[in-house]
N, C-alpha and C. Protein backbone atom coordinates (compact mmCIF):
# COMPACT_ATOMS: atom_id res chain seq x y z
N UNK A 1 169.09 -35.22 -42.52
CA UNK A 1 168.89 -34.09 -43.40
C UNK A 1 167.51 -34.22 -44.02
N UNK A 2 166.82 -33.14 -44.11
CA UNK A 2 165.51 -33.14 -44.76
C UNK A 2 165.67 -32.67 -46.20
N UNK A 3 164.96 -33.36 -47.09
CA UNK A 3 164.95 -32.98 -48.51
C UNK A 3 163.53 -33.11 -49.03
N UNK A 4 163.25 -32.37 -50.07
CA UNK A 4 161.95 -32.48 -50.75
C UNK A 4 162.22 -33.07 -52.12
N UNK A 5 161.48 -34.11 -52.47
CA UNK A 5 161.65 -34.76 -53.77
C UNK A 5 160.29 -34.97 -54.41
N UNK A 6 160.30 -35.19 -55.70
CA UNK A 6 159.08 -35.53 -56.44
C UNK A 6 159.24 -36.93 -56.99
N UNK A 7 158.23 -37.78 -56.78
CA UNK A 7 158.24 -39.13 -57.31
C UNK A 7 156.87 -39.42 -57.92
N UNK A 8 156.82 -40.34 -58.85
CA UNK A 8 155.52 -40.67 -59.46
C UNK A 8 154.54 -41.18 -58.40
N UNK A 9 153.27 -40.89 -58.61
CA UNK A 9 152.23 -41.30 -57.66
C UNK A 9 152.25 -42.80 -57.40
N UNK A 10 152.41 -43.59 -58.45
CA UNK A 10 152.39 -45.04 -58.29
C UNK A 10 153.54 -45.52 -57.40
N UNK A 11 154.70 -44.91 -57.53
CA UNK A 11 155.85 -45.28 -56.71
C UNK A 11 155.58 -44.88 -55.26
N UNK A 12 155.04 -43.70 -55.07
CA UNK A 12 154.71 -43.24 -53.71
C UNK A 12 153.70 -44.17 -53.05
N UNK A 13 152.66 -44.54 -53.77
CA UNK A 13 151.62 -45.41 -53.22
C UNK A 13 152.19 -46.79 -52.86
N UNK A 14 153.05 -47.33 -53.73
CA UNK A 14 153.67 -48.62 -53.45
C UNK A 14 154.57 -48.51 -52.22
N UNK A 15 155.28 -47.41 -52.10
CA UNK A 15 156.14 -47.21 -50.93
C UNK A 15 155.31 -47.10 -49.66
N UNK A 16 154.20 -46.42 -49.74
CA UNK A 16 153.32 -46.30 -48.57
C UNK A 16 152.79 -47.66 -48.13
N UNK A 17 152.45 -48.50 -49.08
CA UNK A 17 151.99 -49.85 -48.76
C UNK A 17 153.10 -50.65 -48.09
N UNK A 18 154.32 -50.51 -48.59
CA UNK A 18 155.45 -51.22 -48.00
C UNK A 18 155.75 -50.72 -46.59
N UNK A 19 155.66 -49.41 -46.38
CA UNK A 19 155.84 -48.83 -45.05
C UNK A 19 154.83 -49.43 -44.07
N UNK A 20 153.60 -49.56 -44.51
CA UNK A 20 152.56 -50.12 -43.64
C UNK A 20 152.83 -51.59 -43.33
N UNK A 21 153.24 -52.35 -44.36
CA UNK A 21 153.51 -53.78 -44.15
C UNK A 21 154.72 -53.99 -43.24
N UNK A 22 155.74 -53.19 -43.42
CA UNK A 22 156.96 -53.35 -42.64
C UNK A 22 156.90 -52.65 -41.28
N UNK A 23 155.89 -51.81 -41.13
CA UNK A 23 155.75 -51.02 -39.90
C UNK A 23 157.02 -50.23 -39.60
N UNK A 24 157.44 -49.51 -40.61
CA UNK A 24 158.63 -48.67 -40.47
C UNK A 24 158.27 -47.25 -40.92
N UNK A 25 159.19 -46.36 -40.74
CA UNK A 25 158.93 -44.98 -41.17
C UNK A 25 159.23 -44.83 -42.65
N UNK A 26 158.60 -43.84 -43.25
CA UNK A 26 158.86 -43.53 -44.65
C UNK A 26 160.34 -43.17 -44.83
N UNK A 27 160.87 -42.40 -43.89
CA UNK A 27 162.28 -42.00 -43.97
C UNK A 27 163.20 -43.21 -43.96
N UNK A 28 162.94 -44.19 -43.09
CA UNK A 28 163.83 -45.35 -43.04
C UNK A 28 163.72 -46.18 -44.32
N UNK A 29 162.52 -46.26 -44.88
CA UNK A 29 162.35 -46.99 -46.13
C UNK A 29 163.14 -46.33 -47.26
N UNK A 30 163.01 -45.02 -47.40
CA UNK A 30 163.72 -44.33 -48.47
C UNK A 30 165.23 -44.37 -48.24
N UNK A 31 165.68 -44.27 -46.99
CA UNK A 31 167.11 -44.36 -46.70
C UNK A 31 167.65 -45.73 -47.08
N UNK A 32 166.90 -46.79 -46.73
CA UNK A 32 167.34 -48.15 -47.08
C UNK A 32 167.38 -48.33 -48.59
N UNK A 33 166.38 -47.82 -49.27
CA UNK A 33 166.35 -47.94 -50.73
C UNK A 33 167.55 -47.25 -51.37
N UNK A 34 167.87 -46.07 -50.88
CA UNK A 34 169.03 -45.34 -51.43
C UNK A 34 170.33 -46.06 -51.10
N UNK A 35 170.44 -46.62 -49.90
CA UNK A 35 171.64 -47.37 -49.54
C UNK A 35 171.84 -48.55 -50.48
N UNK A 36 170.74 -49.27 -50.77
CA UNK A 36 170.84 -50.41 -51.68
C UNK A 36 171.21 -49.97 -53.09
N UNK A 37 170.61 -48.89 -53.55
CA UNK A 37 170.93 -48.38 -54.88
C UNK A 37 172.40 -47.97 -54.97
N UNK A 38 172.90 -47.31 -53.94
CA UNK A 38 174.30 -46.90 -53.93
C UNK A 38 175.23 -48.10 -53.88
N UNK A 39 174.88 -49.11 -53.12
CA UNK A 39 175.70 -50.32 -53.06
C UNK A 39 175.72 -51.02 -54.42
N UNK A 40 174.56 -51.07 -55.09
CA UNK A 40 174.50 -51.66 -56.42
C UNK A 40 175.35 -50.87 -57.41
N UNK A 41 175.32 -49.55 -57.28
CA UNK A 41 176.10 -48.71 -58.18
C UNK A 41 177.59 -48.98 -58.00
N UNK A 42 178.02 -49.20 -56.75
CA UNK A 42 179.42 -49.54 -56.50
C UNK A 42 179.76 -50.88 -57.15
N UNK A 43 178.84 -51.83 -57.04
CA UNK A 43 179.05 -53.14 -57.68
C UNK A 43 179.13 -53.02 -59.18
N UNK A 44 178.32 -52.14 -59.76
CA UNK A 44 178.35 -51.93 -61.21
C UNK A 44 179.71 -51.39 -61.65
N UNK A 45 180.29 -50.52 -60.83
CA UNK A 45 181.61 -49.96 -61.17
C UNK A 45 182.67 -51.05 -61.14
N UNK A 46 182.61 -51.91 -60.14
CA UNK A 46 183.57 -53.01 -60.05
C UNK A 46 183.41 -53.93 -61.26
N UNK A 47 182.17 -54.26 -61.60
CA UNK A 47 181.91 -55.13 -62.76
C UNK A 47 182.46 -54.49 -64.03
N UNK A 48 182.25 -53.21 -64.20
CA UNK A 48 182.74 -52.52 -65.40
C UNK A 48 184.26 -52.57 -65.47
N UNK A 49 184.91 -52.40 -64.33
CA UNK A 49 186.38 -52.46 -64.32
C UNK A 49 186.88 -53.86 -64.65
N UNK A 50 186.23 -54.88 -64.07
CA UNK A 50 186.62 -56.26 -64.38
C UNK A 50 186.37 -56.58 -65.84
N UNK A 51 185.25 -56.12 -66.39
CA UNK A 51 184.96 -56.33 -67.81
C UNK A 51 186.06 -55.72 -68.68
N UNK A 52 186.54 -54.53 -68.29
CA UNK A 52 187.59 -53.87 -69.05
C UNK A 52 188.89 -54.69 -69.01
N UNK A 53 189.22 -55.22 -67.84
CA UNK A 53 190.43 -56.04 -67.72
C UNK A 53 190.32 -57.28 -68.57
N UNK A 54 189.19 -58.00 -68.44
CA UNK A 54 189.06 -59.26 -69.16
C UNK A 54 188.77 -59.09 -70.64
N UNK A 55 188.52 -57.87 -71.07
CA UNK A 55 188.41 -57.62 -72.51
C UNK A 55 189.79 -57.68 -73.15
N UNK A 56 190.82 -57.44 -72.33
CA UNK A 56 192.20 -57.43 -72.84
C UNK A 56 192.98 -58.69 -72.49
N UNK A 57 192.58 -59.37 -71.41
CA UNK A 57 193.32 -60.52 -70.92
C UNK A 57 192.37 -61.72 -70.84
N UNK A 58 192.84 -62.85 -71.28
CA UNK A 58 192.01 -64.06 -71.22
C UNK A 58 191.78 -64.48 -69.78
N UNK A 59 190.56 -64.86 -69.49
CA UNK A 59 190.24 -65.35 -68.15
C UNK A 59 190.16 -66.87 -68.13
N UNK A 60 190.51 -67.49 -69.25
CA UNK A 60 190.46 -68.95 -69.34
C UNK A 60 191.59 -69.59 -68.57
N UNK A 61 191.39 -70.85 -68.24
CA UNK A 61 192.43 -71.61 -67.55
C UNK A 61 193.50 -72.04 -68.55
N UNK A 62 194.74 -72.06 -68.11
CA UNK A 62 195.80 -72.62 -68.95
C UNK A 62 195.59 -74.11 -69.08
N UNK A 63 196.21 -74.72 -70.07
CA UNK A 63 196.02 -76.15 -70.32
C UNK A 63 196.43 -77.00 -69.12
N UNK A 64 197.53 -76.66 -68.46
CA UNK A 64 198.00 -77.44 -67.31
C UNK A 64 196.98 -77.40 -66.18
N UNK A 65 196.49 -76.22 -65.87
CA UNK A 65 195.52 -76.07 -64.80
C UNK A 65 194.19 -76.73 -65.19
N UNK A 66 193.81 -76.61 -66.44
CA UNK A 66 192.58 -77.24 -66.91
C UNK A 66 192.65 -78.76 -66.77
N UNK A 67 193.81 -79.33 -67.14
CA UNK A 67 193.99 -80.77 -67.01
C UNK A 67 193.97 -81.20 -65.55
N UNK A 68 194.62 -80.44 -64.68
CA UNK A 68 194.65 -80.76 -63.25
C UNK A 68 193.25 -80.70 -62.66
N UNK A 69 192.49 -79.71 -63.07
CA UNK A 69 191.12 -79.59 -62.57
C UNK A 69 190.27 -80.76 -63.05
N UNK A 70 190.41 -81.14 -64.30
CA UNK A 70 189.66 -82.27 -64.83
C UNK A 70 190.04 -83.56 -64.10
N UNK A 71 191.34 -83.75 -63.81
CA UNK A 71 191.78 -84.93 -63.06
C UNK A 71 191.19 -84.93 -61.66
N UNK A 72 191.19 -83.79 -61.00
CA UNK A 72 190.67 -83.70 -59.64
C UNK A 72 189.16 -84.00 -59.62
N UNK A 73 188.46 -83.52 -60.61
CA UNK A 73 187.02 -83.76 -60.67
C UNK A 73 186.72 -85.22 -60.98
N UNK A 74 187.50 -85.83 -61.85
CA UNK A 74 187.23 -87.23 -62.19
C UNK A 74 187.55 -88.13 -61.01
N UNK A 75 188.54 -87.75 -60.19
CA UNK A 75 188.86 -88.53 -58.98
C UNK A 75 187.74 -88.43 -57.95
N UNK A 76 187.04 -87.31 -57.94
CA UNK A 76 185.97 -87.10 -56.97
C UNK A 76 184.76 -87.94 -57.28
N UNK A 77 184.58 -88.34 -58.53
CA UNK A 77 183.40 -89.12 -58.91
C UNK A 77 183.76 -90.56 -58.88
């Protein structure tokens, strides 16, 4: 799909330099950048949901599990 967008000159110039260094098309560079941004946005949503859960529920280890972990670590050393 073709689209027309406006971006700051400095961003455009930096993108052009990257296109030249990578020897790729401008379209592929912008597509990759958007894919990464969208993937990060999905990760942000997951993080926000986990933050909401752990705001209500403790994520700490119970005493029994904490003691078992400490024992296992001390045996390893």
